Amino acid sequence: MSLVPLPVHGRVFRALAIAEACSWVGLLIGMFVKYVVIQNEIGVRVFGPIHGVLFLAYVVAAIAVARPLGWDRRTLLLALGASIPPLCTLWFERWALRTGRLGHPAQAVS
């Protein structure tokens, strides 16, 4: 079975979905350190802006790739909704890859 590489739209969206989720983890760790461990906000000061930029980039990317990837309104709304709860962009990215919504039909699983 040969794997067909994703089109550039799918690859960019996947990268942003994963980066946005990682920045969520960094921000959550920063908030834990700030409010529970040592009352120091360095983690929030570092990861807050990073997460903000990646969140906005993910939202813009979801809107931008919806048409080229042939997403219907429901898929776009799922992608946008997944940006709100922590780590849900990973769930959406995996689901979109598995169902062929990132540019190629899903591979059969035996």
PDB file of N, CA and C in Angstrom:
ATOM      1  N   MET A   1       0.850  -1.171   0.000  1.00  0.00           N
ATOM      2  CA  MET A   1       0.000   0.000   0.000  1.00  0.00           C
ATOM      3  C   MET A   1       0.894   1.232   0.000  1.00  0.00           C
ATOM      4  N   SER A   2       0.704   2.090  -1.000  1.00  0.00           N
ATOM      5  CA  SER A   2       1.494   3.316  -1.060  1.00  0.00           C
ATOM      6  C   SER A   2       0.692   4.467  -0.491  1.00  0.00           C
ATOM      7  N   LEU A   3       1.380   5.313   0.240  1.00  0.00           N
ATOM      8  CA  LEU A   3       0.731   6.472   0.825  1.00  0.00           C
ATOM      9  C   LEU A   3       0.865   7.651  -0.124  1.00  0.00           C
ATOM     10  N   VAL A   4      -0.237   8.267  -0.428  1.00  0.00           N
ATOM     11  CA  VAL A   4      -0.245   9.449  -1.272  1.00  0.00           C
ATOM     12  C   VAL A   4       0.002  10.657  -0.385  1.00  0.00           C
ATOM     13  N   PRO A   5       0.990  11.487  -0.713  1.00  0.00           N
ATOM     14  CA  PRO A   5       1.249  12.646   0.134  1.00  0.00           C
ATOM     15  C   PRO A   5       0.065  13.617   0.101  1.00  0.00           C
ATOM     16  N   LEU A   6      -0.155  14.265   1.216  1.00  0.00           N
ATOM     17  CA  LEU A   6      -1.229  15.253   1.306  1.00  0.00           C
ATOM     18  C   LEU A   6      -0.888  16.473   0.473  1.00  0.00           C
ATOM     19  N   PRO A   7      -1.910  17.148  -0.063  1.00  0.00           N
ATOM     20  CA  PRO A   7      -1.641  18.425  -0.728  1.00  0.00           C
ATOM     21  C   PRO A   7      -1.167  19.452   0.293  1.00  0.00           C
ATOM     22  N   VAL A   8      -0.602  20.527  -0.191  1.00  0.00           N
ATOM     23  CA  VAL A   8      -0.018  21.534   0.694  1.00  0.00           C
ATOM     24  C   VAL A   8      -1.058  22.085   1.674  1.00  0.00           C
ATOM     25  N   HIS A   9      -2.303  22.242   1.250  1.00  0.00           N
ATOM     26  CA  HIS A   9      -3.347  22.745   2.160  1.00  0.00           C
ATOM     27  C   HIS A   9      -3.491  21.818   3.371  1.00  0.00           C
ATOM     28  N   GLY A  10      -3.533  20.528   3.114  1.00  0.00           N
ATOM     29  CA  GLY A  10      -3.676  19.553   4.195  1.00  0.00           C
ATOM     30  C   GLY A  10      -2.475  19.527   5.117  1.00  0.00           C
ATOM     31  N   ARG A  11      -1.280  19.631   4.540  1.00  0.00           N
ATOM     32  CA  ARG A  11      -0.054  19.607   5.356  1.00  0.00           C
ATOM     33  C   ARG A  11       0.044  20.837   6.252  1.00  0.00           C
ATOM     34  N   VAL A  12      -0.265  22.002   5.702  1.00  0.00           N
ATOM     35  CA  VAL A  12      -0.216  23.236   6.495  1.00  0.00           C
ATOM     36  C   VAL A  12      -1.248  23.173   7.614  1.00  0.00           C
ATOM     37  N   PHE A  13      -2.454  22.730   7.291  1.00  0.00           N
ATOM     38  CA  PHE A  13      -3.491  22.650   8.316  1.00  0.00           C
ATOM     39  C   PHE A  13      -3.090  21.684   9.425  1.00  0.00           C
ATOM     40  N   ARG A  14      -2.561  20.514   9.057  1.00  0.00           N
ATOM     41  CA  ARG A  14      -2.113  19.538  10.065  1.00  0.00           C
ATOM     42  C   ARG A  14      -1.049  20.138  10.964  1.00  0.00           C
ATOM     43  N   ALA A  15      -0.069  20.813  10.378  1.00  0.00           N
ATOM     44  CA  ALA A  15       1.014  21.406  11.168  1.00  0.00           C
ATOM     45  C   ALA A  15       0.469  22.433  12.151  1.00  0.00           C
ATOM     46  N   LEU A  16      -0.455  23.256  11.700  1.00  0.00           N
ATOM     47  CA  LEU A  16      -1.021  24.267  12.599  1.00  0.00           C
ATOM     48  C   LEU A  16      -1.887  23.634  13.683  1.00  0.00           C
ATOM     49  N   ALA A  17      -2.620  22.590  13.350  1.00  0.00           N
ATOM     50  CA  ALA A  17      -3.449  21.912  14.358  1.00  0.00           C
ATOM     51  C   ALA A  17      -2.575  21.319  15.462  1.00  0.00           C
ATOM     52  N   ILE A  18      -1.484  20.702  15.073  1.00  0.00           N
ATOM     53  CA  ILE A  18      -0.578  20.089  16.051  1.00  0.00           C
ATOM     54  C   ILE A  18       0.131  21.170  16.870  1.00  0.00           C
ATOM     55  N   ALA A  19       0.597  22.224  16.200  1.00  0.00           N
ATOM     56  CA  ALA A  19       1.280  23.314  16.912  1.00  0.00           C
ATOM     57  C   ALA A  19       0.338  24.019  17.886  1.00  0.00           C
ATOM     58  N   GLU A  20      -0.919  24.212  17.480  1.00  0.00           N
ATOM     59  CA  GLU A  20      -1.892  24.869  18.360  1.00  0.00           C
ATOM     60  C   GLU A  20      -2.128  24.022  19.602  1.00  0.00           C
ATOM     61  N   ALA A  21      -2.222  22.716  19.439  1.00  0.00           N
ATOM     62  CA  ALA A  21      -2.417  21.825  20.587  1.00  0.00           C
ATOM     63  C   ALA A  21      -1.198  21.854  21.516  1.00  0.00           C
ATOM     64  N   CYS A  22      -0.011  21.849  20.932  1.00  0.00           N
ATOM     65  CA  CYS A  22       1.205  21.916  21.758  1.00  0.00           C
ATOM     66  C   CYS A  22       1.284  23.229  22.534  1.00  0.00           C
ATOM     67  N   SER A  23       0.883  24.310  21.893  1.00  0.00           N
ATOM     68  CA  SER A  23       0.905  25.593  22.597  1.00  0.00           C
ATOM     69  C   SER A  23      -0.131  25.615  23.727  1.00  0.00           C
ATOM     70  N   TRP A  24      -1.240  24.903  23.554  1.00  0.00           N
ATOM     71  CA  TRP A  24      -2.227  24.764  24.637  1.00  0.00           C
ATOM     72  C   TRP A  24      -1.576  24.080  25.835  1.00  0.00           C
ATOM     73  N   VAL A  25      -0.832  23.013  25.566  1.00  0.00           N
ATOM     74  CA  VAL A  25      -0.160  22.293  26.654  1.00  0.00           C
ATOM     75  C   VAL A  25       0.808  23.229  27.372  1.00  0.00           C
ATOM     76  N   GLY A  26       1.593  23.976  26.615  1.00  0.00           N
ATOM     77  CA  GLY A  26       2.525  24.924  27.231  1.00  0.00           C
ATOM     78  C   GLY A  26       1.807  25.965  28.067  1.00  0.00           C
ATOM     79  N   LEU A  27       0.701  26.482  27.551  1.00  0.00           N
ATOM     80  CA  LEU A  27      -0.060  27.477  28.302  1.00  0.00           C
ATOM     81  C   LEU A  27      -0.678  26.875  29.560  1.00  0.00           C
ATOM     82  N   LEU A  28      -1.190  25.654  29.463  1.00  0.00           N
ATOM     83  CA  LEU A  28      -1.758  25.004  30.652  1.00  0.00           C
ATOM     84  C   LEU A  28      -0.691  24.763  31.718  1.00  0.00           C
ATOM     85  N   ILE A  29       0.492  24.356  31.293  1.00  0.00           N
ATOM     86  CA  ILE A  29       1.597  24.171  32.238  1.00  0.00           C
ATOM     87  C   ILE A  29       1.973  25.524  32.852  1.00  0.00           C
ATOM     88  N   GLY A  30       2.039  26.557  32.006  1.00  0.00           N
ATOM     89  CA  GLY A  30       2.347  27.892  32.510  1.00  0.00           C
ATOM     90  C   GLY A  30       1.326  28.380  33.526  1.00  0.00           C
ATOM     91  N   MET A  31       0.052  28.102  33.281  1.00  0.00           N
ATOM     92  CA  MET A  31      -0.993  28.510  34.236  1.00  0.00           C
ATOM     93  C   MET A  31      -0.891  27.700  35.523  1.00  0.00           C
ATOM     94  N   PHE A  32      -0.555  26.426  35.420  1.00  0.00           N
ATOM     95  CA  PHE A  32      -0.370  25.600  36.623  1.00  0.00           C
ATOM     96  C   PHE A  32       0.764  26.156  37.474  1.00  0.00           C
ATOM     97  N   VAL A  33       1.870  26.495  36.814  1.00  0.00           N
ATOM     98  CA  VAL A  33       3.005  27.068  37.542  1.00  0.00           C
ATOM     99  C   VAL A  33       2.619  28.405  38.165  1.00  0.00           C
ATOM    100  N   LYS A  34       1.896  29.226  37.412  1.00  0.00           N
ATOM    101  CA  LYS A  34       1.522  30.554  37.906  1.00  0.00           C
ATOM    102  C   LYS A  34       0.574  30.478  39.103  1.00  0.00           C
ATOM    103  N   TYR A  35      -0.441  29.638  39.017  1.00  0.00           N
ATOM    104  CA  TYR A  35      -1.483  29.650  40.029  1.00  0.00           C
ATOM    105  C   TYR A  35      -1.335  28.605  41.126  1.00  0.00           C
ATOM    106  N   VAL A  36      -0.513  27.563  40.906  1.00  0.00           N
ATOM    107  CA  VAL A  36      -0.437  26.479  41.890  1.00  0.00           C
ATOM    108  C   VAL A  36       0.954  26.336  42.475  1.00  0.00           C
ATOM    109  N   VAL A  37       1.962  26.312  41.634  1.00  0.00           N
ATOM    110  CA  VAL A  37       3.288  25.927  42.098  1.00  0.00           C
ATOM    111  C   VAL A  37       4.048  27.087  42.741  1.00  0.00           C
ATOM    112  N   ILE A  38       4.452  28.054  41.956  1.00  0.00           N
ATOM    113  CA  ILE A  38       5.342  29.086  42.511  1.00  0.00           C
ATOM    114  C   ILE A  38       4.857  30.514  42.290  1.00  0.00           C
ATOM    115  N   GLN A  39       3.655  30.675  41.837  1.00  0.00           N
ATOM    116  CA  GLN A  39       3.096  32.014  41.659  1.00  0.00           C
ATOM    117  C   GLN A  39       3.971  32.891  40.753  1.00  0.00           C
ATOM    118  N   ASN A  40       4.583  32.274  39.741  1.00  0.00           N
ATOM    119  CA  ASN A  40       5.421  32.990  38.799  1.00  0.00           C
ATOM    120  C   ASN A  40       4.757  32.903  37.427  1.00  0.00           C
ATOM    121  N   GLU A  41       4.584  34.033  36.771  1.00  0.00           N
ATOM    122  CA  GLU A  41       3.843  34.029  35.519  1.00  0.00           C
ATOM    123  C   GLU A  41       4.707  33.943  34.262  1.00  0.00           C
ATOM    124  N   ILE A  42       5.940  33.515  34.371  1.00  0.00           N
ATOM    125  CA  ILE A  42       6.811  33.437  33.194  1.00  0.00           C
ATOM    126  C   ILE A  42       6.247  32.484  32.137  1.00  0.00           C
ATOM    127  N   GLY A  43       5.679  31.365  32.563  1.00  0.00           N
ATOM    128  CA  GLY A  43       5.117  30.413  31.592  1.00  0.00           C
ATOM    129  C   GLY A  43       3.961  30.993  30.823  1.00  0.00           C
ATOM    130  N   VAL A  44       3.125  31.765  31.500  1.00  0.00           N
ATOM    131  CA  VAL A  44       1.985  32.399  30.840  1.00  0.00           C
ATOM    132  C   VAL A  44       2.474  33.518  29.924  1.00  0.00           C
ATOM    133  N   ARG A  45       3.480  34.245  30.354  1.00  0.00           N
ATOM    134  CA  ARG A  45       4.028  35.319  29.513  1.00  0.00           C
ATOM    135  C   ARG A  45       4.680  34.768  28.246  1.00  0.00           C
ATOM    136  N   VAL A  46       5.267  33.580  28.345  1.00  0.00           N
ATOM    137  CA  VAL A  46       5.902  32.972  27.174  1.00  0.00           C
ATOM    138  C   VAL A  46       4.860  32.295  26.293  1.00  0.00           C
ATOM    139  N   PHE A  47       4.059  31.410  26.870  1.00  0.00           N
ATOM    140  CA  PHE A  47       3.145  30.601  26.063  1.00  0.00           C
ATOM    141  C   PHE A  47       1.836  31.302  25.707  1.00  0.00           C
ATOM    142  N   GLY A  48       1.453  32.326  26.450  1.00  0.00           N
ATOM    143  CA  GLY A  48       0.229  33.052  26.132  1.00  0.00           C
ATOM    144  C   GLY A  48       0.256  33.647  24.729  1.00  0.00           C
ATOM    145  N   PRO A  49       1.245  34.465  24.412  1.00  0.00           N
ATOM    146  CA  PRO A  49       1.304  35.038  23.063  1.00  0.00           C
ATOM    147  C   PRO A  49       1.527  33.985  21.971  1.00  0.00           C
ATOM    148  N   ILE A  50       2.330  32.969  22.270  1.00  0.00           N
ATOM    149  CA  ILE A  50       2.556  31.904  21.290  1.00  0.00           C
ATOM    150  C   ILE A  50       1.241  31.205  20.980  1.00  0.00           C
ATOM    151  N   HIS A  51       0.505  30.864  22.030  1.00  0.00           N
ATOM    152  CA  HIS A  51      -0.778  30.198  21.818  1.00  0.00           C
ATOM    153  C   HIS A  51      -1.758  31.120  21.092  1.00  0.00           C
ATOM    154  N   GLY A  52      -1.760  32.395  21.436  1.00  0.00           N
ATOM    155  CA  GLY A  52      -2.652  33.334  20.768  1.00  0.00           C
ATOM    156  C   GLY A  52      -2.413  33.401  19.271  1.00  0.00           C
ATOM    157  N   VAL A  53      -1.156  33.483  18.880  1.00  0.00           N
ATOM    158  CA  VAL A  53      -0.805  33.547  17.461  1.00  0.00           C
ATOM    159  C   VAL A  53      -1.173  32.241  16.764  1.00  0.00           C
ATOM    160  N   LEU A  54      -0.847  31.112  17.390  1.00  0.00           N
ATOM    161  CA  LEU A  54      -1.158  29.824  16.768  1.00  0.00           C
ATOM    162  C   LEU A  54      -2.663  29.561  16.705  1.00  0.00           C
ATOM    163  N   PHE A  55      -3.401  30.016  17.708  1.00  0.00           N
ATOM    164  CA  PHE A  55      -4.853  29.892  17.680  1.00  0.00           C
ATOM    165  C   PHE A  55      -5.421  30.662  16.491  1.00  0.00           C
ATOM    166  N   LEU A  56      -4.997  31.919  16.337  1.00  0.00           N
ATOM    167  CA  LEU A  56      -5.478  32.719  15.212  1.00  0.00           C
ATOM    168  C   LEU A  56      -5.054  32.128  13.873  1.00  0.00           C
ATOM    169  N   ALA A  57      -3.829  31.633  13.792  1.00  0.00           N
ATOM    170  CA  ALA A  57      -3.362  31.014  12.552  1.00  0.00           C
ATOM    171  C   ALA A  57      -4.177  29.772  12.216  1.00  0.00           C
ATOM    172  N   TYR A  58      -4.521  28.968  13.222  1.00  0.00           N
ATOM    173  CA  TYR A  58      -5.347  27.779  13.010  1.00  0.00           C
ATOM    174  C   TYR A  58      -6.725  28.170  12.492  1.00  0.00           C
ATOM    175  N   VAL A  59      -7.348  29.171  13.099  1.00  0.00           N
ATOM    176  CA  VAL A  59      -8.683  29.604  12.670  1.00  0.00           C
ATOM    177  C   VAL A  59      -8.636  30.120  11.227  1.00  0.00           C
ATOM    178  N   VAL A  60      -7.659  30.952  10.918  1.00  0.00           N
ATOM    179  CA  VAL A  60      -7.518  31.478   9.558  1.00  0.00           C
ATOM    180  C   VAL A  60      -7.259  30.333   8.581  1.00  0.00           C
ATOM    181  N   ALA A  61      -6.396  29.393   8.964  1.00  0.00           N
ATOM    182  CA  ALA A  61      -6.098  28.259   8.088  1.00  0.00           C
ATOM    183  C   ALA A  61      -7.333  27.406   7.850  1.00  0.00           C
ATOM    184  N   ALA A  62      -8.116  27.159   8.888  1.00  0.00           N
ATOM    185  CA  ALA A  62      -9.331  26.350   8.723  1.00  0.00           C
ATOM    186  C   ALA A  62     -10.267  27.009   7.716  1.00  0.00           C
ATOM    187  N   ILE A  63     -10.435  28.312   7.826  1.00  0.00           N
ATOM    188  CA  ILE A  63     -11.304  29.028   6.886  1.00  0.00           C
ATOM    189  C   ILE A  63     -10.703  29.000   5.483  1.00  0.00           C
ATOM    190  N   ALA A  64      -9.391  29.177   5.398  1.00  0.00           N
ATOM    191  CA  ALA A  64      -8.725  29.235   4.093  1.00  0.00           C
ATOM    192  C   ALA A  64      -8.706  27.895   3.364  1.00  0.00           C
ATOM    193  N   VAL A  65      -8.573  26.788   4.094  1.00  0.00           N
ATOM    194  CA  VAL A  65      -8.465  25.486   3.424  1.00  0.00           C
ATOM    195  C   VAL A  65      -9.816  24.817   3.213  1.00  0.00           C
ATOM    196  N   ALA A  66     -10.865  25.361   3.795  1.00  0.00           N
ATOM    197  CA  ALA A  66     -12.185  24.721   3.691  1.00  0.00           C
ATOM    198  C   ALA A  66     -12.610  24.527   2.241  1.00  0.00           C
ATOM    199  N   ARG A  67     -12.499  25.542   1.434  1.00  0.00           N
ATOM    200  CA  ARG A  67     -12.916  25.424   0.038  1.00  0.00           C
ATOM    201  C   ARG A  67     -11.967  24.546  -0.783  1.00  0.00           C
ATOM    202  N   PRO A  68     -10.647  24.779  -0.731  1.00  0.00           N
ATOM    203  CA  PRO A  68      -9.756  23.923  -1.541  1.00  0.00           C
ATOM    204  C   PRO A  68      -9.840  22.438  -1.170  1.00  0.00           C
ATOM    205  N   LEU A  69     -10.126  22.149   0.104  1.00  0.00           N
ATOM    206  CA  LEU A  69     -10.221  20.752   0.528  1.00  0.00           C
ATOM    207  C   LEU A  69     -11.635  20.202   0.411  1.00  0.00           C
ATOM    208  N   GLY A  70     -12.573  21.017  -0.018  1.00  0.00           N
ATOM    209  CA  GLY A  70     -13.928  20.565  -0.247  1.00  0.00           C
ATOM    210  C   GLY A  70     -14.742  20.312   1.016  1.00  0.00           C
ATOM    211  N   TRP A  71     -14.439  21.042   2.079  1.00  0.00           N
ATOM    212  CA  TRP A  71     -15.175  20.853   3.329  1.00  0.00           C
ATOM    213  C   TRP A  71     -16.570  21.433   3.204  1.00  0.00           C
ATOM    214  N   ASP A  72     -17.534  20.750   3.790  1.00  0.00           N
ATOM    215  CA  ASP A  72     -18.870  21.323   3.896  1.00  0.00           C
ATOM    216  C   ASP A  72     -18.914  22.216   5.141  1.00  0.00           C
ATOM    217  N   ARG A  73     -20.040  22.863   5.346  1.00  0.00           N
ATOM    218  CA  ARG A  73     -20.173  23.800   6.471  1.00  0.00           C
ATOM    219  C   ARG A  73     -19.980  23.094   7.814  1.00  0.00           C
ATOM    220  N   ARG A  74     -20.492  21.874   7.920  1.00  0.00           N
ATOM    221  CA  ARG A  74     -20.374  21.121   9.173  1.00  0.00           C
ATOM    222  C   ARG A  74     -18.907  20.858   9.518  1.00  0.00           C
ATOM    223  N   THR A  75     -18.128  20.462   8.528  1.00  0.00           N
ATOM    224  CA  THR A  75     -16.709  20.185   8.763  1.00  0.00           C
ATOM    225  C   THR A  75     -15.980  21.448   9.186  1.00  0.00           C
ATOM    226  N   LEU A  76     -16.270  22.560   8.529  1.00  0.00           N
ATOM    227  CA  LEU A  76     -15.632  23.820   8.905  1.00  0.00           C
ATOM    228  C   LEU A  76     -16.017  24.208  10.334  1.00  0.00           C
ATOM    229  N   LEU A  77     -17.282  24.057  10.683  1.00  0.00           N
ATOM    230  CA  LEU A  77     -17.706  24.393  12.044  1.00  0.00           C
ATOM    231  C   LEU A  77     -17.054  23.477  13.074  1.00  0.00           C
ATOM    232  N   LEU A  78     -16.876  22.198  12.737  1.00  0.00           N
ATOM    233  CA  LEU A  78     -16.155  21.289  13.637  1.00  0.00           C
ATOM    234  C   LEU A  78     -14.706  21.737  13.817  1.00  0.00           C
ATOM    235  N   ALA A  79     -14.069  22.120  12.720  1.00  0.00           N
ATOM    236  CA  ALA A  79     -12.670  22.582  12.799  1.00  0.00           C
ATOM    237  C   ALA A  79     -12.568  23.823  13.676  1.00  0.00           C
ATOM    238  N   LEU A  80     -13.483  24.761  13.487  1.00  0.00           N
ATOM    239  CA  LEU A  80     -13.446  25.990  14.283  1.00  0.00           C
ATOM    240  C   LEU A  80     -13.781  25.707  15.739  1.00  0.00           C
ATOM    241  N   GLY A  81     -14.756  24.855  15.985  1.00  0.00           N
ATOM    242  CA  GLY A  81     -15.114  24.503  17.358  1.00  0.00           C
ATOM    243  C   GLY A  81     -14.008  23.763  18.074  1.00  0.00           C
ATOM    244  N   ALA A  82     -13.228  22.986  17.328  1.00  0.00           N
ATOM    245  CA  ALA A  82     -12.132  22.230  17.922  1.00  0.00           C
ATOM    246  C   ALA A  82     -11.014  23.135  18.422  1.00  0.00           C
ATOM    247  N   SER A  83     -11.015  24.384  17.993  1.00  0.00           N
ATOM    248  CA  SER A  83      -9.949  25.295  18.436  1.00  0.00           C
ATOM    249  C   SER A  83     -10.177  25.807  19.850  1.00  0.00           C
ATOM    250  N   ILE A  84     -11.365  25.597  20.404  1.00  0.00           N
ATOM    251  CA  ILE A  84     -11.681  26.164  21.717  1.00  0.00           C
ATOM    252  C   ILE A  84     -11.215  25.270  22.871  1.00  0.00           C
ATOM    253  N   PRO A  85     -11.673  24.006  22.975  1.00  0.00           N
ATOM    254  CA  PRO A  85     -11.212  23.185  24.110  1.00  0.00           C
ATOM    255  C   PRO A  85      -9.750  22.753  23.926  1.00  0.00           C
ATOM    256  N   PRO A  86      -9.025  22.612  25.010  1.00  0.00           N
ATOM    257  CA  PRO A  86      -7.628  22.186  24.905  1.00  0.00           C
ATOM    258  C   PRO A  86      -7.492  20.852  24.171  1.00  0.00           C
ATOM    259  N   LEU A  87      -6.558  20.804  23.248  1.00  0.00           N
ATOM    260  CA  LEU A  87      -6.132  19.611  22.515  1.00  0.00           C
ATOM    261  C   LEU A  87      -7.157  19.065  21.529  1.00  0.00           C
ATOM    262  N   CYS A  88      -8.269  19.720  21.336  1.00  0.00           N
ATOM    263  CA  CYS A  88      -9.274  19.211  20.396  1.00  0.00           C
ATOM    264  C   CYS A  88      -8.854  19.395  18.940  1.00  0.00           C
ATOM    265  N   THR A  89      -7.911  20.275  18.667  1.00  0.00           N
ATOM    266  CA  THR A  89      -7.434  20.383  17.295  1.00  0.00           C
ATOM    267  C   THR A  89      -6.734  19.095  16.875  1.00  0.00           C
ATOM    268  N   LEU A  90      -6.111  18.393  17.838  1.00  0.00           N
ATOM    269  CA  LEU A  90      -5.516  17.085  17.527  1.00  0.00           C
ATOM    270  C   LEU A  90      -6.588  16.082  17.147  1.00  0.00           C
ATOM    271  N   TRP A  91      -7.681  16.057  17.924  1.00  0.00           N
ATOM    272  CA  TRP A  91      -8.788  15.153  17.604  1.00  0.00           C
ATOM    273  C   TRP A  91      -9.323  15.451  16.208  1.00  0.00           C
ATOM    274  N   PHE A  92      -9.565  16.728  15.904  1.00  0.00           N
ATOM    275  CA  PHE A  92     -10.113  17.083  14.601  1.00  0.00           C
ATOM    276  C   PHE A  92      -9.146  16.714  13.486  1.00  0.00           C
ATOM    277  N   GLU A  93      -7.875  17.006  13.667  1.00  0.00           N
ATOM    278  CA  GLU A  93      -6.872  16.706  12.637  1.00  0.00           C
ATOM    279  C   GLU A  93      -6.826  15.213  12.353  1.00  0.00           C
ATOM    280  N   ARG A  94      -6.834  14.380  13.400  1.00  0.00           N
ATOM    281  CA  ARG A  94      -6.809  12.924  13.210  1.00  0.00           C
ATOM    282  C   ARG A  94      -8.075  12.446  12.506  1.00  0.00           C
ATOM    283  N   TRP A  95      -9.221  12.992  12.911  1.00  0.00           N
ATOM    284  CA  TRP A  95     -10.484  12.618  12.293  1.00  0.00           C
ATOM    285  C   TRP A  95     -10.511  13.039  10.825  1.00  0.00           C
ATOM    286  N   ALA A  96     -10.071  14.261  10.531  1.00  0.00           N
ATOM    287  CA  ALA A  96     -10.064  14.761   9.157  1.00  0.00           C
ATOM    288  C   ALA A  96      -9.113  13.945   8.290  1.00  0.00           C
ATOM    289  N   LEU A  97      -7.972  13.556   8.822  1.00  0.00           N
ATOM    290  CA  LEU A  97      -7.037  12.724   8.073  1.00  0.00           C
ATOM    291  C   LEU A  97      -7.636  11.352   7.802  1.00  0.00           C
ATOM    292  N   ARG A  98      -8.221  10.755   8.826  1.00  0.00           N
ATOM    293  CA  ARG A  98      -8.794   9.419   8.705  1.00  0.00           C
ATOM    294  C   ARG A  98      -9.961   9.376   7.715  1.00  0.00           C
ATOM    295  N   THR A  99     -10.744  10.449   7.655  1.00  0.00           N
ATOM    296  CA  THR A  99     -11.931  10.468   6.792  1.00  0.00           C
ATOM    297  C   THR A  99     -11.669  11.089   5.423  1.00  0.00           C
ATOM    298  N   GLY A 100     -10.424  11.410   5.121  1.00  0.00           N
ATOM    299  CA  GLY A 100     -10.079  11.937   3.806  1.00  0.00           C
ATOM    300  C   GLY A 100     -10.359  13.414   3.620  1.00  0.00           C
ATOM    301  N   ARG A 101     -10.597  14.136   4.667  1.00  0.00           N
ATOM    302  CA  ARG A 101     -10.920  15.558   4.548  1.00  0.00           C
ATOM    303  C   ARG A 101      -9.681  16.455   4.460  1.00  0.00           C
ATOM    304  N   LEU A 102      -8.510  15.856   4.480  1.00  0.00           N
ATOM    305  CA  LEU A 102      -7.286  16.656   4.334  1.00  0.00           C
ATOM    306  C   LEU A 102      -6.647  16.488   2.962  1.00  0.00           C
ATOM    307  N   GLY A 103      -7.372  15.909   2.041  1.00  0.00           N
ATOM    308  CA  GLY A 103      -6.869  15.925   0.676  1.00  0.00           C
ATOM    309  C   GLY A 103      -6.775  14.614  -0.054  1.00  0.00           C
ATOM    310  N   HIS A 104      -6.911  13.511   0.597  1.00  0.00           N
ATOM    311  CA  HIS A 104      -6.931  12.251  -0.129  1.00  0.00           C
ATOM    312  C   HIS A 104      -7.863  11.292   0.577  1.00  0.00           C
ATOM    313  N   PRO A 105      -8.422  10.335  -0.145  1.00  0.00           N
ATOM    314  CA  PRO A 105      -9.339   9.386   0.503  1.00  0.00           C
ATOM    315  C   PRO A 105      -8.661   8.615   1.625  1.00  0.00           C
ATOM    316  N   ALA A 106      -9.417   8.314   2.627  1.00  0.00           N
ATOM    317  CA  ALA A 106      -8.882   7.541   3.757  1.00  0.00           C
ATOM    318  C   ALA A 106      -8.437   6.170   3.274  1.00  0.00           C
ATOM    319  N   GLN A 107      -7.352   5.692   3.829  1.00  0.00           N
ATOM    320  CA  GLN A 107      -6.842   4.369   3.505  1.00  0.00           C
ATOM    321  C   GLN A 107      -7.678   3.318   4.233  1.00  0.00           C
ATOM    322  N   ALA A 108      -7.920   2.224   3.593  1.00  0.00           N
ATOM    323  CA  ALA A 108      -8.685   1.150   4.215  1.00  0.00           C
ATOM    324  C   ALA A 108      -7.882   0.554   5.361  1.00  0.00           C
ATOM    325  N   VAL A 109      -8.543   0.325   6.460  1.00  0.00           N
ATOM    326  CA  VAL A 109      -7.901  -0.287   7.618  1.00  0.00           C
ATOM    327  C   VAL A 109      -8.320  -1.741   7.662  1.00  0.00           C
ATOM    328  N   SER A 110      -7.338  -2.646   7.696  1.00  0.00           N
ATOM    329  CA  SER A 110      -7.695  -4.072   7.725  1.00  0.00           C
ATOM    330  C   SER A 110      -7.573  -4.633   9.115  1.00  0.00           C
TER     331      SER A 110
END
